[in-house]
Amino acid sequence: MANLLLLMPNLEAEELFNVEGLVRDFSDVQVNQFATLYNAKRKDSQTILLLALIGFLGVSGVHRFILDQVGMGILYLFTGGLCLIGTIIDLINHKKLTLEYNQKVSRQVAAMVSSMVPRT
């Protein structure tokens, strides 16, 4: 799994643990394909934090749109981040929100890669 760390150095500890479990049975080719696709689709927790901070400038919910939570994004947009309370909570929980999104994306990418190339 040292190869995995070289391919994806930006992963946080929980995210790395999740990814290692998904690619455990993958060949080197599949791990490389997974890393390429996953790096393109994953979100960084610092980016989500910055987008949540934009909520204090009057454009609440941008981070929810980025995390594919369109319904919550619209709700935040029209309610001012639920009167900024939701925005404050999301500032505190930005890592959890990002981890949940990245776990969903990693499962999708792993399923895609496992169906593309037969395991050796």
N, C-alpha and C. Protein backbone atom coordinates (compact mmCIF):
# COMPACT_ATOMS: atom_id res chain seq x y z
N MET A 1 0.80 -1.20 0.00
CA MET A 1 0.00 0.00 0.00
C MET A 1 0.85 1.28 0.00
N ALA A 2 2.16 1.11 0.08
CA ALA A 2 3.03 2.29 0.00
C ALA A 2 2.84 2.97 -1.35
N ASN A 3 2.58 2.18 -2.40
CA ASN A 3 2.32 2.71 -3.72
C ASN A 3 1.10 3.62 -3.69
N LEU A 4 0.10 3.27 -2.89
CA LEU A 4 -1.11 4.06 -2.75
C LEU A 4 -0.80 5.43 -2.15
N LEU A 5 0.07 5.47 -1.19
CA LEU A 5 0.47 6.76 -0.59
C LEU A 5 1.21 7.64 -1.58
N LEU A 6 2.01 7.03 -2.44
CA LEU A 6 2.72 7.81 -3.45
C LEU A 6 1.76 8.35 -4.51
N LEU A 7 0.75 7.56 -4.84
CA LEU A 7 -0.21 7.98 -5.86
C LEU A 7 -1.19 9.02 -5.34
N MET A 8 -1.51 8.96 -4.05
CA MET A 8 -2.50 9.87 -3.47
C MET A 8 -1.98 10.43 -2.13
N PRO A 9 -1.04 11.36 -2.18
CA PRO A 9 -0.45 11.87 -0.95
C PRO A 9 -1.37 12.80 -0.15
N ASN A 10 -2.46 13.27 -0.74
CA ASN A 10 -3.34 14.24 -0.08
C ASN A 10 -4.38 13.61 0.82
N LEU A 11 -4.45 12.29 0.86
CA LEU A 11 -5.49 11.63 1.63
C LEU A 11 -5.27 11.80 3.13
N GLU A 12 -6.38 12.03 3.83
CA GLU A 12 -6.32 12.09 5.28
C GLU A 12 -6.42 10.67 5.83
N ALA A 13 -6.17 10.47 7.10
CA ALA A 13 -6.04 9.13 7.68
C ALA A 13 -7.28 8.27 7.47
N GLU A 14 -8.46 8.77 7.82
CA GLU A 14 -9.69 7.98 7.67
C GLU A 14 -9.97 7.67 6.21
N GLU A 15 -9.70 8.63 5.36
CA GLU A 15 -9.92 8.44 3.93
C GLU A 15 -8.97 7.39 3.38
N LEU A 16 -7.71 7.42 3.81
CA LEU A 16 -6.73 6.43 3.37
C LEU A 16 -7.13 5.03 3.81
N PHE A 17 -7.61 4.91 5.04
CA PHE A 17 -8.06 3.61 5.55
C PHE A 17 -9.20 3.07 4.70
N ASN A 18 -10.14 3.92 4.34
CA ASN A 18 -11.27 3.53 3.50
C ASN A 18 -10.78 3.09 2.12
N VAL A 19 -9.90 3.86 1.52
CA VAL A 19 -9.39 3.55 0.18
C VAL A 19 -8.59 2.25 0.19
N GLU A 20 -7.78 2.04 1.21
CA GLU A 20 -7.00 0.80 1.30
C GLU A 20 -7.91 -0.41 1.31
N GLY A 21 -9.01 -0.32 2.02
CA GLY A 21 -9.96 -1.43 2.06
C GLY A 21 -10.60 -1.69 0.70
N LEU A 22 -10.84 -0.65 -0.06
CA LEU A 22 -11.47 -0.79 -1.37
C LEU A 22 -10.54 -1.38 -2.42
N VAL A 23 -9.25 -1.04 -2.36
CA VAL A 23 -8.32 -1.46 -3.41
C VAL A 23 -7.44 -2.63 -2.98
N ARG A 24 -7.78 -3.24 -1.87
CA ARG A 24 -6.97 -4.34 -1.33
C ARG A 24 -6.73 -5.45 -2.35
N ASP A 25 -7.75 -5.81 -3.11
CA ASP A 25 -7.63 -6.93 -4.05
C ASP A 25 -7.35 -6.48 -5.48
N PHE A 26 -7.08 -5.20 -5.68
CA PHE A 26 -6.83 -4.68 -7.02
C PHE A 26 -5.40 -4.97 -7.45
N SER A 27 -5.21 -5.11 -8.75
CA SER A 27 -3.87 -5.23 -9.32
C SER A 27 -3.24 -3.84 -9.34
N ASP A 28 -1.95 -3.78 -9.67
CA ASP A 28 -1.26 -2.49 -9.74
C ASP A 28 -1.89 -1.58 -10.79
N VAL A 29 -2.29 -2.16 -11.90
CA VAL A 29 -2.94 -1.38 -12.97
C VAL A 29 -4.24 -0.79 -12.46
N GLN A 30 -5.03 -1.60 -11.76
CA GLN A 30 -6.29 -1.11 -11.23
C GLN A 30 -6.09 -0.04 -10.16
N VAL A 31 -5.08 -0.21 -9.33
CA VAL A 31 -4.78 0.81 -8.30
C VAL A 31 -4.42 2.13 -8.98
N ASN A 32 -3.63 2.07 -10.03
CA ASN A 32 -3.26 3.29 -10.76
C ASN A 32 -4.49 3.95 -11.38
N GLN A 33 -5.37 3.14 -11.97
CA GLN A 33 -6.60 3.69 -12.55
C GLN A 33 -7.49 4.28 -11.47
N PHE A 34 -7.61 3.57 -10.35
CA PHE A 34 -8.41 4.08 -9.23
C PHE A 34 -7.87 5.42 -8.75
N ALA A 35 -6.56 5.49 -8.55
CA ALA A 35 -5.94 6.72 -8.05
C ALA A 35 -6.18 7.89 -9.01
N THR A 36 -6.05 7.64 -10.30
CA THR A 36 -6.26 8.70 -11.29
C THR A 36 -7.69 9.21 -11.25
N LEU A 37 -8.65 8.28 -11.28
CA LEU A 37 -10.05 8.67 -11.28
C LEU A 37 -10.46 9.31 -9.95
N TYR A 38 -10.03 8.71 -8.86
CA TYR A 38 -10.42 9.21 -7.54
C TYR A 38 -9.84 10.59 -7.26
N ASN A 39 -8.59 10.81 -7.62
CA ASN A 39 -8.00 12.13 -7.41
C ASN A 39 -8.74 13.22 -8.18
N ALA A 40 -9.29 12.86 -9.34
CA ALA A 40 -10.04 13.84 -10.13
C ALA A 40 -11.40 14.16 -9.52
N LYS A 41 -11.98 13.21 -8.79
CA LYS A 41 -13.34 13.39 -8.29
C LYS A 41 -13.43 13.78 -6.82
N ARG A 42 -12.43 13.47 -6.03
CA ARG A 42 -12.51 13.73 -4.59
C ARG A 42 -12.45 15.22 -4.28
N LYS A 43 -12.96 15.59 -3.13
CA LYS A 43 -12.94 16.98 -2.68
C LYS A 43 -11.99 17.12 -1.50
N ASP A 44 -11.38 18.28 -1.39
CA ASP A 44 -10.46 18.57 -0.29
C ASP A 44 -11.23 19.26 0.82
N SER A 45 -10.99 18.88 2.06
CA SER A 45 -11.73 19.46 3.19
C SER A 45 -11.46 20.96 3.35
N GLN A 46 -10.27 21.42 2.98
CA GLN A 46 -9.97 22.84 3.09
C GLN A 46 -10.79 23.65 2.07
N THR A 47 -11.02 23.09 0.90
CA THR A 47 -11.85 23.75 -0.10
C THR A 47 -13.28 23.87 0.41
N ILE A 48 -13.79 22.81 1.01
CA ILE A 48 -15.15 22.84 1.55
C ILE A 48 -15.24 23.85 2.69
N LEU A 49 -14.21 23.95 3.51
CA LEU A 49 -14.20 24.94 4.57
C LEU A 49 -14.26 26.36 4.00
N LEU A 50 -13.47 26.63 2.99
CA LEU A 50 -13.48 27.96 2.38
C LEU A 50 -14.82 28.27 1.73
N LEU A 51 -15.42 27.28 1.08
CA LEU A 51 -16.72 27.50 0.46
C LEU A 51 -17.80 27.72 1.50
N ALA A 52 -17.69 27.04 2.64
CA ALA A 52 -18.66 27.27 3.72
C ALA A 52 -18.51 28.68 4.29
N LEU A 53 -17.28 29.17 4.35
CA LEU A 53 -17.05 30.54 4.84
C LEU A 53 -17.69 31.59 3.94
N ILE A 54 -17.86 31.26 2.67
CA ILE A 54 -18.51 32.19 1.74
C ILE A 54 -19.95 32.45 2.19
N GLY A 55 -20.51 31.51 2.96
CA GLY A 55 -21.87 31.69 3.49
C GLY A 55 -22.02 32.94 4.33
N PHE A 56 -20.95 33.40 4.94
CA PHE A 56 -21.02 34.62 5.75
C PHE A 56 -21.02 35.88 4.88
N LEU A 57 -20.72 35.71 3.59
CA LEU A 57 -20.74 36.85 2.67
C LEU A 57 -22.08 36.97 1.95
N GLY A 58 -23.01 36.09 2.29
CA GLY A 58 -24.34 36.18 1.71
C GLY A 58 -24.67 35.13 0.68
N VAL A 59 -23.73 34.24 0.36
CA VAL A 59 -23.98 33.18 -0.62
C VAL A 59 -23.83 31.85 0.10
N SER A 60 -24.82 31.52 0.89
CA SER A 60 -24.77 30.29 1.68
C SER A 60 -25.09 29.07 0.82
N GLY A 61 -24.50 27.95 1.17
CA GLY A 61 -24.84 26.68 0.55
C GLY A 61 -23.98 26.26 -0.62
N VAL A 62 -23.00 27.07 -1.01
CA VAL A 62 -22.16 26.71 -2.16
C VAL A 62 -21.46 25.38 -1.89
N HIS A 63 -21.00 25.18 -0.68
CA HIS A 63 -20.30 23.94 -0.35
C HIS A 63 -21.23 22.73 -0.46
N ARG A 64 -22.51 22.91 -0.19
CA ARG A 64 -23.46 21.80 -0.31
C ARG A 64 -23.67 21.42 -1.78
N PHE A 65 -23.68 22.41 -2.66
CA PHE A 65 -23.78 22.11 -4.09
C PHE A 65 -22.56 21.31 -4.55
N ILE A 66 -21.38 21.71 -4.11
CA ILE A 66 -20.13 21.04 -4.49
C ILE A 66 -20.12 19.59 -4.00
N LEU A 67 -20.76 19.34 -2.85
CA LEU A 67 -20.81 18.00 -2.27
C LEU A 67 -22.01 17.19 -2.78
N ASP A 68 -22.61 17.63 -3.88
CA ASP A 68 -23.76 16.96 -4.50
C ASP A 68 -24.97 16.88 -3.58
N GLN A 69 -25.12 17.84 -2.71
CA GLN A 69 -26.30 17.92 -1.84
C GLN A 69 -27.12 19.13 -2.31
N VAL A 70 -27.72 18.98 -3.49
CA VAL A 70 -28.38 20.11 -4.15
C VAL A 70 -29.56 20.62 -3.34
N GLY A 71 -30.34 19.71 -2.77
CA GLY A 71 -31.49 20.12 -1.97
C GLY A 71 -31.08 20.99 -0.78
N MET A 72 -30.06 20.56 -0.06
CA MET A 72 -29.57 21.35 1.07
C MET A 72 -28.94 22.65 0.59
N GLY A 73 -28.30 22.62 -0.56
CA GLY A 73 -27.72 23.84 -1.12
C GLY A 73 -28.78 24.88 -1.41
N ILE A 74 -29.89 24.44 -2.01
CA ILE A 74 -30.99 25.37 -2.30
C ILE A 74 -31.60 25.89 -1.01
N LEU A 75 -31.79 24.99 -0.03
CA LEU A 75 -32.33 25.41 1.26
C LEU A 75 -31.43 26.45 1.93
N TYR A 76 -30.14 26.20 1.94
CA TYR A 76 -29.20 27.15 2.53
C TYR A 76 -29.19 28.47 1.77
N LEU A 77 -29.28 28.40 0.46
CA LEU A 77 -29.25 29.60 -0.36
C LEU A 77 -30.43 30.51 -0.05
N PHE A 78 -31.62 29.91 0.05
CA PHE A 78 -32.82 30.72 0.26
C PHE A 78 -33.07 31.09 1.72
N THR A 79 -32.42 30.43 2.66
CA THR A 79 -32.64 30.74 4.08
C THR A 79 -31.42 31.37 4.74
N GLY A 80 -30.45 31.76 3.94
CA GLY A 80 -29.24 32.35 4.52
C GLY A 80 -28.49 31.38 5.39
N GLY A 81 -28.36 30.14 4.89
CA GLY A 81 -27.65 29.12 5.68
C GLY A 81 -28.42 28.77 6.92
N LEU A 82 -29.77 28.73 6.79
CA LEU A 82 -30.68 28.52 7.93
C LEU A 82 -30.34 29.53 9.03
N CYS A 83 -30.36 30.79 8.60
CA CYS A 83 -30.04 31.93 9.49
C CYS A 83 -28.64 31.80 10.08
N LEU A 84 -27.73 31.35 9.26
CA LEU A 84 -26.30 31.16 9.57
C LEU A 84 -26.01 30.05 10.58
N ILE A 85 -27.02 29.50 11.19
CA ILE A 85 -26.78 28.41 12.15
C ILE A 85 -26.26 27.18 11.42
N GLY A 86 -26.88 26.83 10.31
CA GLY A 86 -26.42 25.68 9.53
C GLY A 86 -25.02 25.89 8.98
N THR A 87 -24.74 27.11 8.58
CA THR A 87 -23.40 27.42 8.07
C THR A 87 -22.35 27.26 9.16
N ILE A 88 -22.66 27.70 10.37
CA ILE A 88 -21.72 27.56 11.49
C ILE A 88 -21.50 26.08 11.81
N ILE A 89 -22.58 25.30 11.80
CA ILE A 89 -22.46 23.87 12.05
C ILE A 89 -21.61 23.20 10.96
N ASP A 90 -21.82 23.61 9.71
CA ASP A 90 -21.03 23.04 8.62
C ASP A 90 -19.57 23.45 8.70
N LEU A 91 -19.28 24.63 9.23
CA LEU A 91 -17.89 25.02 9.43
C LEU A 91 -17.21 24.09 10.42
N ILE A 92 -17.95 23.70 11.43
CA ILE A 92 -17.41 22.79 12.44
C ILE A 92 -17.27 21.38 11.87
N ASN A 93 -18.24 20.96 11.07
CA ASN A 93 -18.28 19.59 10.55
C ASN A 93 -17.77 19.45 9.12
N HIS A 94 -16.98 20.39 8.62
CA HIS A 94 -16.57 20.35 7.22
C HIS A 94 -15.77 19.09 6.88
N LYS A 95 -14.98 18.60 7.82
CA LYS A 95 -14.20 17.38 7.53
C LYS A 95 -15.11 16.16 7.43
N LYS A 96 -16.12 16.09 8.27
CA LYS A 96 -17.06 14.97 8.22
C LYS A 96 -17.85 14.99 6.92
N LEU A 97 -18.31 16.17 6.52
CA LEU A 97 -19.05 16.30 5.26
C LEU A 97 -18.19 15.87 4.07
N THR A 98 -16.94 16.29 4.08
CA THR A 98 -16.03 15.94 2.99
C THR A 98 -15.73 14.45 2.99
N LEU A 99 -15.50 13.88 4.16
CA LEU A 99 -15.21 12.44 4.26
C LEU A 99 -16.38 11.62 3.75
N GLU A 100 -17.60 11.99 4.11
CA GLU A 100 -18.78 11.25 3.64
C GLU A 100 -18.87 11.31 2.11
N TYR A 101 -18.65 12.48 1.54
CA TYR A 101 -18.68 12.61 0.09
C TYR A 101 -17.58 11.76 -0.55
N ASN A 102 -16.37 11.86 -0.03
CA ASN A 102 -15.24 11.12 -0.60
C ASN A 102 -15.42 9.61 -0.47
N GLN A 103 -16.04 9.14 0.60
CA GLN A 103 -16.30 7.71 0.74
C GLN A 103 -17.29 7.25 -0.33
N LYS A 104 -18.32 8.05 -0.58
CA LYS A 104 -19.29 7.70 -1.61
C LYS A 104 -18.61 7.64 -2.98
N VAL A 105 -17.78 8.64 -3.27
CA VAL A 105 -17.08 8.69 -4.55
C VAL A 105 -16.10 7.54 -4.68
N SER A 106 -15.41 7.20 -3.60
CA SER A 106 -14.43 6.11 -3.67
C SER A 106 -15.10 4.78 -3.96
N ARG A 107 -16.28 4.55 -3.38
CA ARG A 107 -17.01 3.31 -3.68
C ARG A 107 -17.44 3.27 -5.14
N GLN A 108 -17.89 4.40 -5.67
CA GLN A 108 -18.30 4.46 -7.07
C GLN A 108 -17.12 4.21 -8.00
N VAL A 109 -15.99 4.83 -7.71
CA VAL A 109 -14.80 4.68 -8.55
C VAL A 109 -14.28 3.25 -8.46
N ALA A 110 -14.29 2.66 -7.27
CA ALA A 110 -13.82 1.28 -7.11
C ALA A 110 -14.69 0.32 -7.91
N ALA A 111 -15.99 0.53 -7.89
CA ALA A 111 -16.90 -0.31 -8.67
C ALA A 111 -16.65 -0.15 -10.16
N MET A 112 -16.39 1.08 -10.58
CA MET A 112 -16.11 1.34 -11.99
C MET A 112 -14.82 0.67 -12.43
N VAL A 113 -13.78 0.82 -11.63
CA VAL A 113 -12.47 0.24 -11.98
C VAL A 113 -12.53 -1.28 -11.97
N SER A 114 -13.23 -1.87 -11.01
CA SER A 114 -13.29 -3.33 -10.94
C SER A 114 -14.08 -3.90 -12.12
N SER A 115 -14.99 -3.14 -12.68
CA SER A 115 -15.73 -3.64 -13.83
C SER A 115 -14.99 -3.39 -15.14
N MET A 116 -14.03 -2.46 -15.15
CA MET A 116 -13.31 -2.12 -16.38
C MET A 116 -12.20 -3.11 -16.72
N VAL A 117 -11.39 -3.46 -15.75
CA VAL A 117 -10.20 -4.28 -16.00
C VAL A 117 -10.30 -5.54 -15.16
N PRO A 118 -10.14 -6.71 -15.77
CA PRO A 118 -10.17 -7.93 -14.96
C PRO A 118 -8.99 -8.00 -14.01
N ARG A 119 -9.23 -8.52 -12.83
CA ARG A 119 -8.16 -8.66 -11.83
C ARG A 119 -7.20 -9.76 -12.24
N THR A 120 -5.92 -9.56 -11.92
CA THR A 120 -4.91 -10.57 -12.24
C THR A 120 -4.41 -11.25 -10.99
